[in-house]
C-alpha atoms as a PDB file:
ATOM      1  CA  MET A   1     -14.596  18.889  -8.077  1.00  0.00           C
ATOM      2  CA  PRO A   2     -13.706  15.193  -7.628  1.00  0.00           C
ATOM      3  CA  ARG A   3     -16.538  12.829  -6.960  1.00  0.00           C
ATOM      4  CA  VAL A   4     -16.605   9.387  -5.454  1.00  0.00           C
ATOM      5  CA  GLU A   5     -17.980   6.227  -7.116  1.00  0.00           C
ATOM      6  CA  VAL A   6     -18.279   2.695  -5.666  1.00  0.00           C
ATOM      7  CA  ILE A   7     -16.946  -0.191  -7.752  1.00  0.00           C
ATOM      8  CA  VAL A   8     -19.727  -2.770  -7.937  1.00  0.00           C
ATOM      9  CA  ARG A   9     -18.532  -6.293  -7.127  1.00  0.00           C
ATOM     10  CA  GLY A  10     -19.594  -9.461  -5.349  1.00  0.00           C
ATOM     11  CA  ARG A  11     -17.712  -9.075  -2.086  1.00  0.00           C
ATOM     12  CA  ARG A  12     -16.286  -6.445   0.249  1.00  0.00           C
ATOM     13  CA  ASP A  13     -12.923  -6.496   1.968  1.00  0.00           C
ATOM     14  CA  GLN A  14     -12.452  -7.122   5.674  1.00  0.00           C
ATOM     15  CA  LEU A  15      -9.129  -5.273   5.285  1.00  0.00           C
ATOM     16  CA  GLY A  16      -8.546  -4.014   1.736  1.00  0.00           C
ATOM     17  CA  GLU A  17      -4.942  -2.922   1.164  1.00  0.00           C
ATOM     18  CA  GLY A  18      -2.048  -2.606  -1.255  1.00  0.00           C
ATOM     19  CA  PRO A  19      -3.679  -1.302  -4.475  1.00  0.00           C
ATOM     20  CA  LEU A  20      -1.337  -1.803  -7.439  1.00  0.00           C
ATOM     21  CA  TRP A  21      -1.738  -0.615 -11.022  1.00  0.00           C
ATOM     22  CA  SER A  22      -0.471  -3.052 -13.664  1.00  0.00           C
ATOM     23  CA  SER A  23      -0.074  -1.501 -17.090  1.00  0.00           C
ATOM     24  CA  ARG A  24       0.972  -4.957 -18.310  1.00  0.00           C
ATOM     25  CA  ASP A  25      -2.422  -6.429 -17.397  1.00  0.00           C
ATOM     26  CA  GLN A  26      -4.437  -3.193 -17.616  1.00  0.00           C
ATOM     27  CA  SER A  27      -5.685  -4.119 -14.190  1.00  0.00           C
ATOM     28  CA  LEU A  28      -5.817  -2.877 -10.627  1.00  0.00           C
ATOM     29  CA  TYR A  29      -4.777  -5.463  -8.029  1.00  0.00           C
ATOM     30  CA  TRP A  30      -5.358  -5.251  -4.286  1.00  0.00           C
ATOM     31  CA  VAL A  31      -5.559  -7.642  -1.348  1.00  0.00           C
ATOM     32  CA  ASP A  32      -7.907  -8.421   1.492  1.00  0.00           C
ATOM     33  CA  ILE A  33      -5.598  -9.216   4.374  1.00  0.00           C
ATOM     34  CA  LEU A  34      -8.038 -10.541   6.933  1.00  0.00           C
ATOM     35  CA  ASP A  35     -10.218 -12.586   4.540  1.00  0.00           C
ATOM     36  CA  PRO A  36      -7.223 -13.456   2.377  1.00  0.00           C
ATOM     37  CA  HIS A  37      -7.898 -12.780  -1.309  1.00  0.00           C
ATOM     38  CA  LEU A  38      -6.121 -11.182  -4.229  1.00  0.00           C
ATOM     39  CA  ASN A  39      -8.602  -8.949  -6.045  1.00  0.00           C
ATOM     40  CA  GLN A  40      -8.301  -7.853  -9.665  1.00  0.00           C
ATOM     41  CA  LEU A  41     -10.260  -5.126 -11.491  1.00  0.00           C
ATOM     42  CA  ASP A  42      -9.772  -5.289 -15.250  1.00  0.00           C
ATOM     43  CA  LEU A  43     -10.061  -1.655 -16.359  1.00  0.00           C
ATOM     44  CA  THR A  44     -10.708  -2.728 -19.978  1.00  0.00           C
ATOM     45  CA  THR A  45     -13.772  -4.845 -19.276  1.00  0.00           C
ATOM     46  CA  GLY A  46     -14.729  -3.707 -15.734  1.00  0.00           C
ATOM     47  CA  ALA A  47     -14.704  -7.339 -14.566  1.00  0.00           C
ATOM     48  CA  VAL A  48     -13.701  -7.972 -10.928  1.00  0.00           C
ATOM     49  CA  THR A  49     -12.308 -11.296  -9.752  1.00  0.00           C
ATOM     50  CA  ALA A  50     -11.079 -12.496  -6.373  1.00  0.00           C
ATOM     51  CA  THR A  51      -8.549 -15.307  -5.870  1.00  0.00           C
ATOM     52  CA  PRO A  52      -8.437 -16.952  -2.374  1.00  0.00           C
ATOM     53  CA  LEU A  53      -5.028 -16.941  -0.693  1.00  0.00           C
ATOM     54  CA  ALA A  54      -3.773 -19.498   1.842  1.00  0.00           C
ATOM     55  CA  GLU A  55      -2.624 -16.943   4.440  1.00  0.00           C
ATOM     56  CA  PRO A  56      -2.892 -13.232   5.260  1.00  0.00           C
ATOM     57  CA  THR A  57      -1.093 -11.289   2.511  1.00  0.00           C
ATOM     58  CA  GLY A  58      -0.381  -7.586   2.760  1.00  0.00           C
ATOM     59  CA  TRP A  59       0.682  -6.717  -0.760  1.00  0.00           C
ATOM     60  CA  VAL A  60       1.745  -7.823  -4.246  1.00  0.00           C
ATOM     61  CA  ILE A  61       4.313  -6.080  -6.443  1.00  0.00           C
ATOM     62  CA  GLU A  62       5.023  -6.865 -10.093  1.00  0.00           C
ATOM     63  CA  ARG A  63       8.274  -8.416 -11.174  1.00  0.00           C
ATOM     64  CA  GLN A  64      10.042  -7.033 -14.236  1.00  0.00           C
ATOM     65  CA  ALA A  65      10.426 -10.656 -15.453  1.00  0.00           C
ATOM     66  CA  GLY A  66       6.739 -11.420 -15.026  1.00  0.00           C
ATOM     67  CA  GLY A  67       4.539 -12.458 -12.169  1.00  0.00           C
ATOM     68  CA  PHE A  68       4.585 -10.863  -8.751  1.00  0.00           C
ATOM     69  CA  ILE A  69       6.314 -10.808  -5.404  1.00  0.00           C
ATOM     70  CA  ALA A  70       3.903 -11.126  -2.461  1.00  0.00           C
ATOM     71  CA  GLY A  71       4.376 -10.254   1.174  1.00  0.00           C
ATOM     72  CA  SER A  72       2.530 -12.713   3.444  1.00  0.00           C
ATOM     73  CA  LYS A  73       2.325 -13.950   6.979  1.00  0.00           C
ATOM     74  CA  SER A  74       5.231 -16.291   6.283  1.00  0.00           C
ATOM     75  CA  GLY A  75       7.407 -13.749   4.432  1.00  0.00           C
ATOM     76  CA  PHE A  76       8.293 -13.070   0.785  1.00  0.00           C
ATOM     77  CA  HIS A  77       6.881 -15.258  -2.008  1.00  0.00           C
ATOM     78  CA  ASP A  78       6.934 -15.539  -5.761  1.00  0.00           C
ATOM     79  CA  LEU A  79       3.367 -15.386  -7.057  1.00  0.00           C
ATOM     80  CA  VAL A  80       2.106 -16.508 -10.477  1.00  0.00           C
ATOM     81  CA  LEU A  81      -1.539 -16.036 -11.430  1.00  0.00           C
ATOM     82  CA  SER A  82      -2.073 -18.583 -14.185  1.00  0.00           C
ATOM     83  CA  PRO A  83      -1.870 -21.266 -13.047  1.00  0.00           C
ATOM     84  CA  PHE A  84      -1.973 -19.826  -9.570  1.00  0.00           C
ATOM     85  CA  LYS A  85       1.075 -20.635  -7.469  1.00  0.00           C
ATOM     86  CA  MET A  86       2.925 -19.062  -4.504  1.00  0.00           C
ATOM     87  CA  THR A  87       6.511 -20.155  -3.886  1.00  0.00           C
ATOM     88  CA  PRO A  88       8.324 -19.102  -0.684  1.00  0.00           C
ATOM     89  CA  ILE A  89      11.419 -16.965  -0.967  1.00  0.00           C
ATOM     90  CA  GLY A  90      12.170 -16.501   2.725  1.00  0.00           C
ATOM     91  CA  ASP A  91      10.852 -15.127   5.982  1.00  0.00           C
ATOM     92  CA  PRO A  92      12.833 -12.299   7.600  1.00  0.00           C
ATOM     93  CA  GLU A  93      10.925 -12.759  10.851  1.00  0.00           C
ATOM     94  CA  ARG A  94      10.716 -16.479  11.283  1.00  0.00           C
ATOM     95  CA  ASP A  95      11.626 -15.881  14.908  1.00  0.00           C
ATOM     96  CA  ILE A  96       8.590 -13.615  15.484  1.00  0.00           C
ATOM     97  CA  PRO A  97       5.570 -15.850  14.598  1.00  0.00           C
ATOM     98  CA  THR A  98       3.049 -13.200  15.673  1.00  0.00           C
ATOM     99  CA  ASN A  99       4.268 -10.765  13.024  1.00  0.00           C
ATOM    100  CA  ARG A 100       3.221 -10.475   9.376  1.00  0.00           C
ATOM    101  CA  MET A 101       3.960  -8.360   6.284  1.00  0.00           C
ATOM    102  CA  ASN A 102       1.727  -5.316   5.996  1.00  0.00           C
ATOM    103  CA  ASP A 103       2.658  -2.848   3.198  1.00  0.00           C
ATOM    104  CA  ALA A 104       5.376  -2.363   0.555  1.00  0.00           C
ATOM    105  CA  LYS A 105       6.559  -0.495  -2.507  1.00  0.00           C
ATOM    106  CA  ALA A 106       9.303  -0.990  -5.094  1.00  0.00           C
ATOM    107  CA  ASP A 107      11.817   1.767  -5.892  1.00  0.00           C
ATOM    108  CA  ALA A 108      13.394   2.848  -9.181  1.00  0.00           C
ATOM    109  CA  SER A 109      16.379   0.544  -8.665  1.00  0.00           C
ATOM    110  CA  GLY A 110      14.075  -2.496  -8.508  1.00  0.00           C
ATOM    111  CA  CYS A 111      14.290  -3.161  -4.767  1.00  0.00           C
ATOM    112  CA  ILE A 112      11.264  -3.650  -2.473  1.00  0.00           C
ATOM    113  CA  TRP A 113      10.729  -1.792   0.822  1.00  0.00           C
ATOM    114  CA  ALA A 114       8.418  -3.771   3.081  1.00  0.00           C
ATOM    115  CA  GLY A 115       7.137  -3.331   6.608  1.00  0.00           C
ATOM    116  CA  THR A 116       6.041  -5.848   9.214  1.00  0.00           C
ATOM    117  CA  MET A 117       3.753  -5.602  12.209  1.00  0.00           C
ATOM    118  CA  GLY A 118       2.407  -7.635  15.136  1.00  0.00           C
ATOM    119  CA  ASP A 119      -0.672  -7.012  17.217  1.00  0.00           C
ATOM    120  CA  GLY A 120      -0.912  -3.349  16.223  1.00  0.00           C
ATOM    121  CA  VAL A 121       0.193  -2.050  19.650  1.00  0.00           C
ATOM    122  CA  THR A 122       3.503  -3.740  20.445  1.00  0.00           C
ATOM    123  CA  PRO A 123       6.392  -2.074  18.576  1.00  0.00           C
ATOM    124  CA  SER A 124       7.622  -5.368  17.052  1.00  0.00           C
ATOM    125  CA  GLY A 125       7.500  -4.219  13.435  1.00  0.00           C
ATOM    126  CA  SER A 126      10.417  -3.354  11.199  1.00  0.00           C
ATOM    127  CA  LEU A 127      11.137  -1.979   7.705  1.00  0.00           C
ATOM    128  CA  TYR A 128      13.070  -4.238   5.317  1.00  0.00           C
ATOM    129  CA  ARG A 129      14.690  -3.839   1.952  1.00  0.00           C
ATOM    130  CA  LEU A 130      14.428  -6.833  -0.392  1.00  0.00           C
ATOM    131  CA  ASP A 131      17.367  -6.524  -2.787  1.00  0.00           C
ATOM    132  CA  ARG A 132      17.478  -7.556  -6.429  1.00  0.00           C
ATOM    133  CA  GLY A 133      19.504 -10.607  -5.434  1.00  0.00           C
ATOM    134  CA  ARG A 134      16.687 -11.738  -3.123  1.00  0.00           C
ATOM    135  CA  SER A 135      18.567 -11.089   0.087  1.00  0.00           C
ATOM    136  CA  TRP A 136      17.030  -8.739   2.639  1.00  0.00           C
ATOM    137  CA  ALA A 137      18.156  -6.308   5.288  1.00  0.00           C
ATOM    138  CA  LYS A 138      16.401  -4.745   8.279  1.00  0.00           C
ATOM    139  CA  VAL A 139      16.759  -0.961   7.830  1.00  0.00           C
ATOM    140  CA  ASP A 140      14.572   0.402  10.637  1.00  0.00           C
ATOM    141  CA  THR A 141      12.592  -0.979  13.521  1.00  0.00           C
ATOM    142  CA  GLY A 142      10.338  -0.180  16.486  1.00  0.00           C
ATOM    143  CA  TYR A 143       7.032   0.171  14.588  1.00  0.00           C
ATOM    144  CA  SER A 144       3.642  -0.908  15.899  1.00  0.00           C
ATOM    145  CA  VAL A 145       1.798  -0.674  12.532  1.00  0.00           C
ATOM    146  CA  THR A 146       4.055  -0.192   9.508  1.00  0.00           C
ATOM    147  CA  ASN A 147       2.295   1.391   6.554  1.00  0.00           C
ATOM    148  CA  GLY A 148       2.508   3.236   3.288  1.00  0.00           C
ATOM    149  CA  PRO A 149       6.012   3.170   1.977  1.00  0.00           C
ATOM    150  CA  ALA A 150       6.098   5.871  -0.652  1.00  0.00           C
ATOM    151  CA  ILE A 151       9.036   7.061  -2.707  1.00  0.00           C
ATOM    152  CA  SER A 152       9.255  10.615  -4.042  1.00  0.00           C
ATOM    153  CA  ALA A 153       9.262  11.231  -7.784  1.00  0.00           C
ATOM    154  CA  ASP A 154      12.961  12.090  -7.794  1.00  0.00           C
ATOM    155  CA  GLY A 155      13.761   8.882  -5.882  1.00  0.00           C
ATOM    156  CA  ARG A 156      15.671  10.747  -3.185  1.00  0.00           C
ATOM    157  CA  SER A 157      13.216  10.352  -0.283  1.00  0.00           C
ATOM    158  CA  LEU A 158      11.372   7.457   1.216  1.00  0.00           C
ATOM    159  CA  PHE A 159       8.291   8.004   3.425  1.00  0.00           C
ATOM    160  CA  HIS A 160       7.159   5.432   5.962  1.00  0.00           C
ATOM    161  CA  THR A 161       4.421   5.425   8.600  1.00  0.00           C
ATOM    162  CA  ASP A 162       3.691   4.121  12.051  1.00  0.00           C
ATOM    163  CA  SER A 163      -0.094   4.267  11.963  1.00  0.00           C
ATOM    164  CA  HIS A 164      -0.420   3.518  15.671  1.00  0.00           C
ATOM    165  CA  GLN A 165       1.683   6.517  16.554  1.00  0.00           C
ATOM    166  CA  GLY A 166       0.035   8.712  13.909  1.00  0.00           C
ATOM    167  CA  VAL A 167       3.376   9.697  12.410  1.00  0.00           C
ATOM    168  CA  VAL A 168       4.683   9.750   8.853  1.00  0.00           C
ATOM    169  CA  TYR A 169       8.504   9.691   8.691  1.00  0.00           C
ATOM    170  CA  GLU A 170      10.765  10.847   5.898  1.00  0.00           C
ATOM    171  CA  PHE A 171      14.194   9.383   5.082  1.00  0.00           C
ATOM    172  CA  ASP A 172      16.903  10.342   2.662  1.00  0.00           C
ATOM    173  CA  LEU A 173      17.291   7.519   0.128  1.00  0.00           C
ATOM    174  CA  SER A 174      20.707   7.104  -1.498  1.00  0.00           C
ATOM    175  CA  ASP A 175      21.446   5.683  -4.964  1.00  0.00           C
ATOM    176  CA  GLU A 176      22.839   2.642  -3.118  1.00  0.00           C
ATOM    177  CA  GLY A 177      19.519   2.014  -1.372  1.00  0.00           C
ATOM    178  CA  GLU A 178      20.649   3.273   2.056  1.00  0.00           C
ATOM    179  CA  LEU A 179      18.357   5.282   4.376  1.00  0.00           C
ATOM    180  CA  SER A 180      19.536   8.165   6.529  1.00  0.00           C
ATOM    181  CA  ASN A 181      18.330  11.307   8.297  1.00  0.00           C
ATOM    182  CA  LYS A 182      15.048   9.978   9.654  1.00  0.00           C
ATOM    183  CA  ARG A 183      12.687  12.799  10.616  1.00  0.00           C
ATOM    184  CA  VAL A 184       8.996  13.456  11.179  1.00  0.00           C
ATOM    185  CA  PHE A 185       7.286  14.560   7.959  1.00  0.00           C
ATOM    186  CA  VAL A 186       3.834  15.001   9.463  1.00  0.00           C
ATOM    187  CA  ARG A 187       2.166  14.087  12.737  1.00  0.00           C
ATOM    188  CA  PHE A 188      -1.557  13.487  12.367  1.00  0.00           C
ATOM    189  CA  GLU A 189      -3.941  15.488  14.454  1.00  0.00           C
ATOM    190  CA  GLN A 190      -6.295  13.301  16.527  1.00  0.00           C
ATOM    191  CA  GLU A 191      -9.402  14.226  14.547  1.00  0.00           C
ATOM    192  CA  TRP A 192      -7.715  13.174  11.286  1.00  0.00           C
ATOM    193  CA  GLY A 193      -7.606   9.489  12.258  1.00  0.00           C
ATOM    194  CA  SER A 194      -4.381   7.600  11.548  1.00  0.00           C
ATOM    195  CA  PRO A 195      -2.149   7.699   8.460  1.00  0.00           C
ATOM    196  CA  ASP A 196      -2.317   4.505   6.397  1.00  0.00           C
ATOM    197  CA  GLY A 197      -1.295   3.812   2.769  1.00  0.00           C
ATOM    198  CA  MET A 198       0.302   6.562   0.646  1.00  0.00           C
ATOM    199  CA  THR A 199       1.159   7.430  -2.935  1.00  0.00           C
ATOM    200  CA  PHE A 200       2.706  10.344  -4.780  1.00  0.00           C
ATOM    201  CA  ASP A 201       1.206  12.242  -7.699  1.00  0.00           C
ATOM    202  CA  ALA A 202       3.258  13.559 -10.620  1.00  0.00           C
ATOM    203  CA  GLU A 203       3.332  17.096  -9.177  1.00  0.00           C
ATOM    204  CA  GLY A 204       5.022  15.942  -5.932  1.00  0.00           C
ATOM    205  CA  GLY A 205       1.924  15.779  -3.721  1.00  0.00           C
ATOM    206  CA  LEU A 206       1.762  12.967  -1.187  1.00  0.00           C
ATOM    207  CA  TRP A 207      -1.706  11.427  -0.875  1.00  0.00           C
ATOM    208  CA  ILE A 208      -2.439   9.639   2.408  1.00  0.00           C
ATOM    209  CA  ALA A 209      -5.368   7.404   3.385  1.00  0.00           C
ATOM    210  CA  HIS A 210      -6.926   8.215   6.755  1.00  0.00           C
ATOM    211  CA  TRP A 211      -7.782   5.142   8.833  1.00  0.00           C
ATOM    212  CA  GLY A 212     -10.641   6.246  11.070  1.00  0.00           C
ATOM    213  CA  GLY A 213     -10.818   9.583   9.289  1.00  0.00           C
ATOM    214  CA  SER A 214     -13.236   8.876   6.363  1.00  0.00           C
ATOM    215  CA  CYS A 215     -11.027  10.670   3.843  1.00  0.00           C
ATOM    216  CA  ILE A 216      -7.845  10.925   1.860  1.00  0.00           C
ATOM    217  CA  SER A 217      -5.591  13.999   1.949  1.00  0.00           C
ATOM    218  CA  ARG A 218      -2.892  15.553  -0.194  1.00  0.00           C
ATOM    219  CA  PHE A 219       0.172  16.953   1.547  1.00  0.00           C
ATOM    220  CA  SER A 220       2.833  19.206   0.060  1.00  0.00           C
ATOM    221  CA  MET A 221       6.472  18.253   0.370  1.00  0.00           C
ATOM    222  CA  MET A 222       6.615  20.691   3.263  1.00  0.00           C
ATOM    223  CA  GLY A 223       4.047  18.605   5.144  1.00  0.00           C
ATOM    224  CA  VAL A 224       1.162  21.019   4.639  1.00  0.00           C
ATOM    225  CA  ARG A 225      -2.313  19.480   4.222  1.00  0.00           C
ATOM    226  CA  GLU A 226      -3.521  21.010   0.946  1.00  0.00           C
ATOM    227  CA  ALA A 227      -6.603  19.041  -0.101  1.00  0.00           C
ATOM    228  CA  VAL A 228      -9.116  16.609   1.390  1.00  0.00           C
ATOM    229  CA  ILE A 229     -11.552  14.214  -0.341  1.00  0.00           C
ATOM    230  CA  ASP A 230     -14.205  12.816   1.950  1.00  0.00           C
ATOM    231  CA  LEU A 231     -15.319   9.165   1.662  1.00  0.00           C
ATOM    232  CA  PRO A 232     -18.483   7.463   2.946  1.00  0.00           C
ATOM    233  CA  THR A 233     -16.845   4.990   5.320  1.00  0.00           C
ATOM    234  CA  PRO A 234     -14.368   5.453   8.192  1.00  0.00           C
ATOM    235  CA  GLN A 235     -11.565   2.904   7.673  1.00  0.00           C
ATOM    236  CA  ILE A 236      -9.725   4.171   4.551  1.00  0.00           C
ATOM    237  CA  THR A 237      -6.636   2.098   3.995  1.00  0.00           C
ATOM    238  CA  SER A 238      -4.719   2.961   0.825  1.00  0.00           C
ATOM    239  CA  LEU A 239      -4.895   4.516  -2.640  1.00  0.00           C
ATOM    240  CA  THR A 240      -3.178   4.523  -6.014  1.00  0.00           C
ATOM    241  CA  PHE A 241      -3.397   6.026  -9.485  1.00  0.00           C
ATOM    242  CA  ALA A 242      -4.289   3.783 -12.436  1.00  0.00           C
ATOM    243  CA  GLY A 243      -5.273   3.797 -16.095  1.00  0.00           C
ATOM    244  CA  GLN A 244      -3.284   4.327 -19.231  1.00  0.00           C
ATOM    245  CA  THR A 245      -2.576   7.975 -18.402  1.00  0.00           C
ATOM    246  CA  LEU A 246      -2.608   7.428 -14.587  1.00  0.00           C
ATOM    247  CA  ASP A 247      -5.510   9.860 -14.310  1.00  0.00           C
ATOM    248  CA  ARG A 248      -7.813   7.497 -12.343  1.00  0.00           C
ATOM    249  CA  MET A 249      -7.548   7.155  -8.553  1.00  0.00           C
ATOM    250  CA  PHE A 250      -8.703   4.118  -6.601  1.00  0.00           C
ATOM    251  CA  VAL A 251      -9.092   3.871  -2.826  1.00  0.00           C
ATOM    252  CA  THR A 252      -9.379   0.758  -0.647  1.00  0.00           C
ATOM    253  CA  SER A 253     -11.161   0.444   2.689  1.00  0.00           C
ATOM    254  CA  ALA A 254     -11.935  -2.022   5.472  1.00  0.00           C
ATOM    255  CA  ALA A 255     -15.155  -3.535   6.816  1.00  0.00           C
ATOM    256  CA  VAL A 256     -13.583  -4.768  10.044  1.00  0.00           C
ATOM    257  CA  GLY A 257     -15.236  -3.051  12.964  1.00  0.00           C
ATOM    258  CA  HIS A 258     -17.901  -1.516  10.708  1.00  0.00           C
ATOM    259  CA  GLU A 259     -19.726  -4.571   9.311  1.00  0.00           C
ATOM    260  CA  ASP A 260     -23.053  -2.787   9.698  1.00  0.00           C
ATOM    261  CA  SER A 261     -21.985  -0.147   7.136  1.00  0.00           C
ATOM    262  CA  ALA A 262     -22.798  -1.183   3.579  1.00  0.00           C
ATOM    263  CA  LEU A 263     -19.842   0.705   2.087  1.00  0.00           C
ATOM    264  CA  ALA A 264     -17.230  -0.418   4.600  1.00  0.00           C
ATOM    265  CA  GLY A 265     -14.761  -2.583   2.698  1.00  0.00           C
ATOM    266  CA  ALA A 266     -15.729  -1.132  -0.662  1.00  0.00           C
ATOM    267  CA  LEU A 267     -13.353  -0.144  -3.454  1.00  0.00           C
ATOM    268  CA  PHE A 268     -13.840   3.472  -4.473  1.00  0.00           C
ATOM    269  CA  GLU A 269     -12.839   5.428  -7.560  1.00  0.00           C
ATOM    270  CA  ILE A 270     -12.180   9.152  -7.315  1.00  0.00           C
ATOM    271  CA  ILE A 271     -13.449  10.665 -10.559  1.00  0.00           C
ATOM    272  CA  ALA A 272     -11.379  13.607 -11.849  1.00  0.00           C
ATOM    273  CA  PRO A 273      -8.901  13.865  -8.978  1.00  0.00           C
ATOM    274  CA  GLY A 274      -7.260  16.793 -10.795  1.00  0.00           C
ATOM    275  CA  VAL A 275      -3.721  15.315 -10.864  1.00  0.00           C
ATOM    276  CA  PHE A 276      -1.920  12.432 -12.512  1.00  0.00           C
ATOM    277  CA  GLY A 277      -0.046   9.604 -10.798  1.00  0.00           C
ATOM    278  CA  ILE A 278       3.425   8.099 -11.162  1.00  0.00           C
ATOM    279  CA  ALA A 279       3.804   4.620 -12.671  1.00  0.00           C
ATOM    280  CA  PRO A 280       4.708   2.066 -10.017  1.00  0.00           C
ATOM    281  CA  HIS A 281       8.155   0.478 -10.144  1.00  0.00           C
ATOM    282  CA  ARG A 282       8.650  -3.253 -10.535  1.00  0.00           C
ATOM    283  CA  TYR A 283      10.897  -5.621  -8.618  1.00  0.00           C
ATOM    284  CA  ALA A 284      14.025  -6.471 -10.565  1.00  0.00           C
ATOM    285  CA  GLY A 285      14.872  -9.763  -8.792  1.00  0.00           C
END
């Protein structure tokens, strides 16, 4: 049976999100959106570092050419760690100053799919595709809390969430990067909490973090909830596989609203999850 361990470090996250495995650095990266930091766990040494960020940042994704792309309050940025520098690329929602980037993933073609959100209630959020040429397009809209883009192992389906509505959507994803046939993949039951970040395992199972549900769950491609791993804090935000063989699972969480809980905002490792992950794609632009 899987067991849960807490990664010991010097801080906890107000809103931990966007865990990313980097085989290049042998490190797990993730962000704290509300107390803006970029965290790094070196899996070789076990060292954890945290780099302050100038604005709320929802995610980082590796570039094939080196460095990262970051999604922040002011849009897309190039990010280099040493020496640290963030360079703006552009803001798709310059006309909506209350919105920010929230979650993203890269696909096999090297594009990034990124969602935006506002106050968490108003449906001002949208889903964007950042192309390899660094232009972007709005591909869907009307979200209150965009979350968890996840792309199936065969690359033919994209999954995207409106956490506020408790719904995970599935789209057909073409080789040209076009979405079609939007449908409900799963609608969360009230006692489950809300769907947050997501990732696929190598067997085709979709793992979803439960905000307000104190757990992560594995769903089959038919939308059936097959497995649950309980966690010792309510606000579970996202998860990913890591390690040389992608056999280690890490889970982020949030302290916001639960500051009196010692484990709220912790980074967890699921020991022996029983499945392997899929290596994350990198941005080709």
